Amino acid sequence: MIARLTGRIDSIAEDSAVIDVAGVGYLVYCSARTLGTLPAAGESASLHVETHVREDHIHLYGFESLAERDWFRLLTTVQGVGTRVALAILSALSADRLSDALIAGDGKMLTQAPGVGPKLAGRIVAELKDKAVPATESFARTGDGGAVGDPDALDDAVSALVNLGYRRGEAFGAVTEAARALGSEAEVETLIRAGLRELSS
């Protein structure tokens, strides 16, 4: 299962990019937002990847951030939201704006994305509202001006807890407390275990 790709940009299309990794070209479908962050052809790039395996195909979906990847996973759990609609939503809204829209119950904001009508927007809000974290709650933007640890390690730990079934807000709080107790050098596995202890206490 491919989780990350680092290589040279071969080409960029309307909804995808081809990344050359050691001579193998990987077709990766991306949101317009992620495609806009990629460098020109011939330059190096790295993307977080979600691999979808079906009977008739294997598709790779690329994301510039873990937050965008996590929202893609969550969006595709909602009935009526396939991979194309999820990418359309993430093209229209950043991960932070999507979180804020869900917390506010603002389904109208979601209808900015092609393929999302009022009914589907309402379903997305109803099912994912409890999994959203306000944009102000970010490991890259803490109140003291810096993260309590390595932002990537913290985000990975939160993602792991979310995948275990915890709400994103709960996971964020538990990992933050764990990082404060363990220090800035704590590794992902340690943060996950400590976060689980926080959640079960």
C-alpha atoms as a PDB file:
ATOM      1  CA  MET A   1       0.000   0.000   0.000  1.00  0.00           C
ATOM      2  CA  ILE A   2       1.493   3.347  -1.060  1.00  0.00           C
ATOM      3  CA  ALA A   3       1.263   6.058   1.616  1.00  0.00           C
ATOM      4  CA  ARG A   4       3.708   8.655   0.293  1.00  0.00           C
ATOM      5  CA  LEU A   5       5.443   9.469  -2.978  1.00  0.00           C
ATOM      6  CA  THR A   6       8.552  11.571  -3.456  1.00  0.00           C
ATOM      7  CA  GLY A   7       9.917  12.087  -6.928  1.00  0.00           C
ATOM      8  CA  ARG A   8      10.137  14.349  -9.958  1.00  0.00           C
ATOM      9  CA  ILE A   9       7.082  15.996 -11.484  1.00  0.00           C
ATOM     10  CA  ASP A  10       6.648  14.529 -14.959  1.00  0.00           C
ATOM     11  CA  SER A  11       3.416  16.309 -15.898  1.00  0.00           C
ATOM     12  CA  ILE A  12       0.369  18.013 -14.402  1.00  0.00           C
ATOM     13  CA  ALA A  13      -3.151  17.697 -15.810  1.00  0.00           C
ATOM     14  CA  GLU A  14      -6.496  19.215 -14.800  1.00  0.00           C
ATOM     15  CA  ASP A  15      -7.172  16.697 -12.030  1.00  0.00           C
ATOM     16  CA  SER A  16      -3.952  14.720 -11.664  1.00  0.00           C
ATOM     17  CA  ALA A  17      -0.189  14.667 -11.807  1.00  0.00           C
ATOM     18  CA  VAL A  18       2.379  12.103 -12.876  1.00  0.00           C
ATOM     19  CA  ILE A  19       5.262  11.713 -10.445  1.00  0.00           C
ATOM     20  CA  ASP A  20       8.386   9.961 -11.674  1.00  0.00           C
ATOM     21  CA  VAL A  21       9.887   7.862  -8.881  1.00  0.00           C
ATOM     22  CA  ALA A  22      13.091   6.106  -9.964  1.00  0.00           C
ATOM     23  CA  GLY A  23      11.872   5.851 -13.543  1.00  0.00           C
ATOM     24  CA  VAL A  24       8.310   4.741 -12.719  1.00  0.00           C
ATOM     25  CA  GLY A  25       5.557   7.240 -13.450  1.00  0.00           C
ATOM     26  CA  TYR A  26       2.750   7.236 -10.858  1.00  0.00           C
ATOM     27  CA  LEU A  27      -0.574   8.808 -11.858  1.00  0.00           C
ATOM     28  CA  VAL A  28      -1.918  10.588  -8.777  1.00  0.00           C
ATOM     29  CA  TYR A  29      -5.353  12.241  -8.654  1.00  0.00           C
ATOM     30  CA  CYS A  30      -5.347  15.476  -6.635  1.00  0.00           C
ATOM     31  CA  SER A  31      -7.531  18.387  -5.624  1.00  0.00           C
ATOM     32  CA  ALA A  32      -7.013  21.652  -7.484  1.00  0.00           C
ATOM     33  CA  ARG A  33      -5.611  23.020  -4.227  1.00  0.00           C
ATOM     34  CA  THR A  34      -2.884  20.368  -4.058  1.00  0.00           C
ATOM     35  CA  LEU A  35      -2.107  20.640  -7.767  1.00  0.00           C
ATOM     36  CA  GLY A  36      -1.596  24.362  -7.250  1.00  0.00           C
ATOM     37  CA  THR A  37       1.147  23.684  -4.706  1.00  0.00           C
ATOM     38  CA  LEU A  38       3.174  21.449  -7.009  1.00  0.00           C
ATOM     39  CA  PRO A  39       6.339  22.785  -8.662  1.00  0.00           C
ATOM     40  CA  ALA A  40       6.989  22.843 -12.397  1.00  0.00           C
ATOM     41  CA  ALA A  41       7.727  19.721 -14.420  1.00  0.00           C
ATOM     42  CA  GLY A  42      11.194  18.378 -13.728  1.00  0.00           C
ATOM     43  CA  GLU A  43      11.292  19.555 -10.126  1.00  0.00           C
ATOM     44  CA  SER A  44      11.022  17.394  -7.008  1.00  0.00           C
ATOM     45  CA  ALA A  45       7.808  17.023  -5.032  1.00  0.00           C
ATOM     46  CA  SER A  46       6.357  14.889  -2.257  1.00  0.00           C
ATOM     47  CA  LEU A  47       2.720  13.953  -1.639  1.00  0.00           C
ATOM     48  CA  HIS A  48       0.826  12.025   1.020  1.00  0.00           C
ATOM     49  CA  VAL A  49      -1.077   9.277  -0.761  1.00  0.00           C
ATOM     50  CA  GLU A  50      -4.296   7.361  -0.242  1.00  0.00           C
ATOM     51  CA  THR A  51      -4.388   4.097  -2.213  1.00  0.00           C
ATOM     52  CA  HIS A  52      -7.765   2.808  -3.400  1.00  0.00           C
ATOM     53  CA  VAL A  53      -7.800  -0.800  -4.581  1.00  0.00           C
ATOM     54  CA  ARG A  54     -10.817  -2.047  -6.514  1.00  0.00           C
ATOM     55  CA  GLU A  55     -11.456  -5.141  -8.598  1.00  0.00           C
ATOM     56  CA  ASP A  56     -10.943  -3.209 -11.824  1.00  0.00           C
ATOM     57  CA  HIS A  57      -8.352  -0.603 -10.839  1.00  0.00           C
ATOM     58  CA  ILE A  58      -5.840   0.773  -8.378  1.00  0.00           C
ATOM     59  CA  HIS A  59      -6.069   4.549  -7.975  1.00  0.00           C
ATOM     60  CA  LEU A  60      -3.713   6.848  -6.079  1.00  0.00           C
ATOM     61  CA  TYR A  61      -4.948  10.112  -4.546  1.00  0.00           C
ATOM     62  CA  GLY A  62      -2.345  12.681  -3.510  1.00  0.00           C
ATOM     63  CA  PHE A  63      -2.477  15.413  -0.877  1.00  0.00           C
ATOM     64  CA  GLU A  64      -0.155  18.225   0.102  1.00  0.00           C
ATOM     65  CA  SER A  65      -1.012  17.820   3.794  1.00  0.00           C
ATOM     66  CA  LEU A  66      -2.078  15.112   6.207  1.00  0.00           C
ATOM     67  CA  ALA A  67      -5.125  17.189   7.123  1.00  0.00           C
ATOM     68  CA  GLU A  68      -6.347  17.154   3.533  1.00  0.00           C
ATOM     69  CA  ARG A  69      -5.748  13.398   3.308  1.00  0.00           C
ATOM     70  CA  ASP A  70      -7.683  12.797   6.535  1.00  0.00           C
ATOM     71  CA  TRP A  71     -10.633  14.869   5.303  1.00  0.00           C
ATOM     72  CA  PHE A  72     -10.634  12.904   2.043  1.00  0.00           C
ATOM     73  CA  ARG A  73     -10.918   9.696   4.064  1.00  0.00           C
ATOM     74  CA  LEU A  74     -13.727  11.090   6.187  1.00  0.00           C
ATOM     75  CA  LEU A  75     -15.652  12.601   3.288  1.00  0.00           C
ATOM     76  CA  THR A  76     -15.672   9.305   1.395  1.00  0.00           C
ATOM     77  CA  THR A  77     -17.346   7.594   4.375  1.00  0.00           C
ATOM     78  CA  VAL A  78     -20.476   9.676   3.739  1.00  0.00           C
ATOM     79  CA  GLN A  79     -23.074   8.055   1.486  1.00  0.00           C
ATOM     80  CA  GLY A  80     -23.118   9.825  -1.857  1.00  0.00           C
ATOM     81  CA  VAL A  81     -19.582  11.186  -1.565  1.00  0.00           C
ATOM     82  CA  GLY A  82     -17.240   9.343  -3.889  1.00  0.00           C
ATOM     83  CA  THR A  83     -13.618  10.134  -4.544  1.00  0.00           C
ATOM     84  CA  ARG A  84     -14.394  12.694  -7.256  1.00  0.00           C
ATOM     85  CA  VAL A  85     -16.841  14.613  -5.067  1.00  0.00           C
ATOM     86  CA  ALA A  86     -14.416  14.492  -2.133  1.00  0.00           C
ATOM     87  CA  LEU A  87     -11.675  15.997  -4.304  1.00  0.00           C
ATOM     88  CA  ALA A  88     -14.125  18.619  -5.578  1.00  0.00           C
ATOM     89  CA  ILE A  89     -14.927  19.637  -1.994  1.00  0.00           C
ATOM     90  CA  LEU A  90     -11.227  19.822  -1.121  1.00  0.00           C
ATOM     91  CA  SER A  91     -10.645  21.889  -4.260  1.00  0.00           C
ATOM     92  CA  ALA A  92     -13.298  24.376  -3.183  1.00  0.00           C
ATOM     93  CA  LEU A  93     -12.422  24.482   0.534  1.00  0.00           C
ATOM     94  CA  SER A  94      -9.173  24.190   2.448  1.00  0.00           C
ATOM     95  CA  ALA A  95      -9.061  21.692   5.317  1.00  0.00           C
ATOM     96  CA  ASP A  96      -9.395  24.585   7.796  1.00  0.00           C
ATOM     97  CA  ARG A  97     -12.388  26.137   6.007  1.00  0.00           C
ATOM     98  CA  LEU A  98     -14.038  22.739   5.717  1.00  0.00           C
ATOM     99  CA  SER A  99     -13.644  22.206   9.465  1.00  0.00           C
ATOM    100  CA  ASP A 100     -15.086  25.622  10.230  1.00  0.00           C
ATOM    101  CA  ALA A 101     -18.010  25.086   7.838  1.00  0.00           C
ATOM    102  CA  LEU A 102     -18.902  21.783   9.485  1.00  0.00           C
ATOM    103  CA  ILE A 103     -18.649  23.166  13.013  1.00  0.00           C
ATOM    104  CA  ALA A 104     -20.878  26.085  12.022  1.00  0.00           C
ATOM    105  CA  GLY A 105     -23.328  23.741  10.279  1.00  0.00           C
ATOM    106  CA  ASP A 106     -22.836  25.785   7.106  1.00  0.00           C
ATOM    107  CA  GLY A 107     -23.909  23.361   4.396  1.00  0.00           C
ATOM    108  CA  LYS A 108     -24.219  26.201   1.900  1.00  0.00           C
ATOM    109  CA  MET A 109     -20.448  26.590   1.890  1.00  0.00           C
ATOM    110  CA  LEU A 110     -20.090  22.961   0.817  1.00  0.00           C
ATOM    111  CA  THR A 111     -22.348  23.520  -2.186  1.00  0.00           C
ATOM    112  CA  GLN A 112     -19.538  25.574  -3.737  1.00  0.00           C
ATOM    113  CA  ALA A 113     -18.127  22.220  -4.845  1.00  0.00           C
ATOM    114  CA  PRO A 114     -19.448  20.740  -8.111  1.00  0.00           C
ATOM    115  CA  GLY A 115     -21.687  17.740  -7.436  1.00  0.00           C
ATOM    116  CA  VAL A 116     -22.693  18.846  -3.932  1.00  0.00           C
ATOM    117  CA  GLY A 117     -26.317  19.923  -3.626  1.00  0.00           C
ATOM    118  CA  PRO A 118     -28.119  21.084  -0.475  1.00  0.00           C
ATOM    119  CA  LYS A 119     -29.277  17.565   0.465  1.00  0.00           C
ATOM    120  CA  LEU A 120     -25.800  16.030   0.232  1.00  0.00           C
ATOM    121  CA  ALA A 121     -24.267  19.042   1.983  1.00  0.00           C
ATOM    122  CA  GLY A 122     -26.707  18.561   4.864  1.00  0.00           C
ATOM    123  CA  ARG A 123     -25.788  14.890   5.133  1.00  0.00           C
ATOM    124  CA  ILE A 124     -22.076  15.707   5.203  1.00  0.00           C
ATOM    125  CA  VAL A 125     -22.593  18.272   7.961  1.00  0.00           C
ATOM    126  CA  ALA A 126     -24.731  15.883  10.016  1.00  0.00           C
ATOM    127  CA  GLU A 127     -22.275  12.988   9.786  1.00  0.00           C
ATOM    128  CA  LEU A 128     -18.945  14.818  10.098  1.00  0.00           C
ATOM    129  CA  LYS A 129     -19.676  17.802  12.350  1.00  0.00           C
ATOM    130  CA  ASP A 130     -18.380  16.022  15.469  1.00  0.00           C
ATOM    131  CA  LYS A 131     -15.132  15.102  13.705  1.00  0.00           C
ATOM    132  CA  ALA A 132     -14.140  18.671  12.865  1.00  0.00           C
ATOM    133  CA  VAL A 133     -11.547  20.741  14.721  1.00  0.00           C
ATOM    134  CA  PRO A 134     -11.684  24.554  14.556  1.00  0.00           C
ATOM    135  CA  ALA A 135      -9.052  26.072  12.271  1.00  0.00           C
ATOM    136  CA  THR A 136      -7.573  27.876  15.277  1.00  0.00           C
ATOM    137  CA  GLU A 137      -6.717  24.476  16.791  1.00  0.00           C
ATOM    138  CA  SER A 138      -3.682  23.672  14.696  1.00  0.00           C
ATOM    139  CA  PHE A 139      -0.342  22.227  15.709  1.00  0.00           C
ATOM    140  CA  ALA A 140       1.341  24.791  13.482  1.00  0.00           C
ATOM    141  CA  ARG A 141      -0.479  27.683  15.229  1.00  0.00           C
ATOM    142  CA  THR A 142      -0.454  27.226  18.993  1.00  0.00           C
ATOM    143  CA  GLY A 143      -1.071  30.026  21.431  1.00  0.00           C
ATOM    144  CA  ASP A 144       2.592  30.402  22.392  1.00  0.00           C
ATOM    145  CA  GLY A 145       3.633  30.842  18.766  1.00  0.00           C
ATOM    146  CA  GLY A 146       5.019  27.352  18.212  1.00  0.00           C
ATOM    147  CA  ALA A 147       3.984  23.733  18.146  1.00  0.00           C
ATOM    148  CA  VAL A 148       4.430  21.588  21.272  1.00  0.00           C
ATOM    149  CA  GLY A 149       6.377  19.081  19.192  1.00  0.00           C
ATOM    150  CA  ASP A 150       7.076  18.003  15.630  1.00  0.00           C
ATOM    151  CA  PRO A 151       3.865  18.971  13.749  1.00  0.00           C
ATOM    152  CA  ASP A 152       4.133  15.966  11.409  1.00  0.00           C
ATOM    153  CA  ALA A 153       4.470  13.525  14.327  1.00  0.00           C
ATOM    154  CA  LEU A 154       1.557  15.164  16.126  1.00  0.00           C
ATOM    155  CA  ASP A 155      -0.652  15.095  13.031  1.00  0.00           C
ATOM    156  CA  ASP A 156       0.235  11.436  12.400  1.00  0.00           C
ATOM    157  CA  ALA A 157      -0.716  10.564  15.987  1.00  0.00           C
ATOM    158  CA  VAL A 158      -4.044  12.401  15.693  1.00  0.00           C
ATOM    159  CA  SER A 159      -4.754  10.658  12.386  1.00  0.00           C
ATOM    160  CA  ALA A 160      -4.059   7.269  13.969  1.00  0.00           C
ATOM    161  CA  LEU A 161      -6.498   7.962  16.811  1.00  0.00           C
ATOM    162  CA  VAL A 162      -9.147   9.197  14.358  1.00  0.00           C
ATOM    163  CA  ASN A 163      -8.710   5.978  12.378  1.00  0.00           C
ATOM    164  CA  LEU A 164      -9.335   4.056  15.612  1.00  0.00           C
ATOM    165  CA  GLY A 165     -12.742   5.707  15.856  1.00  0.00           C
ATOM    166  CA  TYR A 166     -12.136   8.715  18.095  1.00  0.00           C
ATOM    167  CA  ARG A 167     -13.507  12.109  17.136  1.00  0.00           C
ATOM    168  CA  ARG A 168     -10.898  14.476  15.749  1.00  0.00           C
ATOM    169  CA  GLY A 169     -11.427  17.033  18.525  1.00  0.00           C
ATOM    170  CA  GLU A 170     -10.919  14.366  21.205  1.00  0.00           C
ATOM    171  CA  ALA A 171      -7.819  13.022  19.463  1.00  0.00           C
ATOM    172  CA  PHE A 172      -6.358  16.516  19.064  1.00  0.00           C
ATOM    173  CA  GLY A 173      -6.769  17.288  22.774  1.00  0.00           C
ATOM    174  CA  ALA A 174      -5.324  13.934  23.874  1.00  0.00           C
ATOM    175  CA  VAL A 175      -2.267  14.184  21.641  1.00  0.00           C
ATOM    176  CA  THR A 176      -1.649  17.791  22.693  1.00  0.00           C
ATOM    177  CA  GLU A 177      -1.665  16.788  26.375  1.00  0.00           C
ATOM    178  CA  ALA A 178       0.567  13.812  25.638  1.00  0.00           C
ATOM    179  CA  ALA A 179       3.057  15.975  23.753  1.00  0.00           C
ATOM    180  CA  ARG A 180       3.233  18.493  26.587  1.00  0.00           C
ATOM    181  CA  ALA A 181       3.980  15.694  29.051  1.00  0.00           C
ATOM    182  CA  LEU A 182       6.459  13.810  26.866  1.00  0.00           C
ATOM    183  CA  GLY A 183       8.365  16.707  25.322  1.00  0.00           C
ATOM    184  CA  SER A 184       9.056  17.803  21.771  1.00  0.00           C
ATOM    185  CA  GLU A 185      11.146  14.739  20.849  1.00  0.00           C
ATOM    186  CA  ALA A 186       8.336  12.210  21.387  1.00  0.00           C
ATOM    187  CA  GLU A 187       7.879   9.813  18.467  1.00  0.00           C
ATOM    188  CA  VAL A 188       4.567   9.017  16.792  1.00  0.00           C
ATOM    189  CA  GLU A 189       4.124   5.595  18.421  1.00  0.00           C
ATOM    190  CA  THR A 190       4.774   7.048  21.874  1.00  0.00           C
ATOM    191  CA  LEU A 191       2.290   9.870  21.260  1.00  0.00           C
ATOM    192  CA  ILE A 192      -0.364   7.402  20.119  1.00  0.00           C
ATOM    193  CA  ARG A 193       0.023   5.232  23.242  1.00  0.00           C
ATOM    194  CA  ALA A 194       0.006   8.272  25.526  1.00  0.00           C
ATOM    195  CA  GLY A 195      -2.974   9.709  23.680  1.00  0.00           C
ATOM    196  CA  LEU A 196      -4.895   6.482  24.161  1.00  0.00           C
ATOM    197  CA  ARG A 197      -4.148   6.628  27.890  1.00  0.00           C
ATOM    198  CA  GLU A 198      -5.450  10.208  27.970  1.00  0.00           C
ATOM    199  CA  LEU A 199      -8.646   9.185  26.212  1.00  0.00           C
ATOM    200  CA  SER A 200      -9.263   6.234  28.522  1.00  0.00           C
ATOM    201  CA  SER A 201      -8.540   8.125  31.756  1.00  0.00           C
END
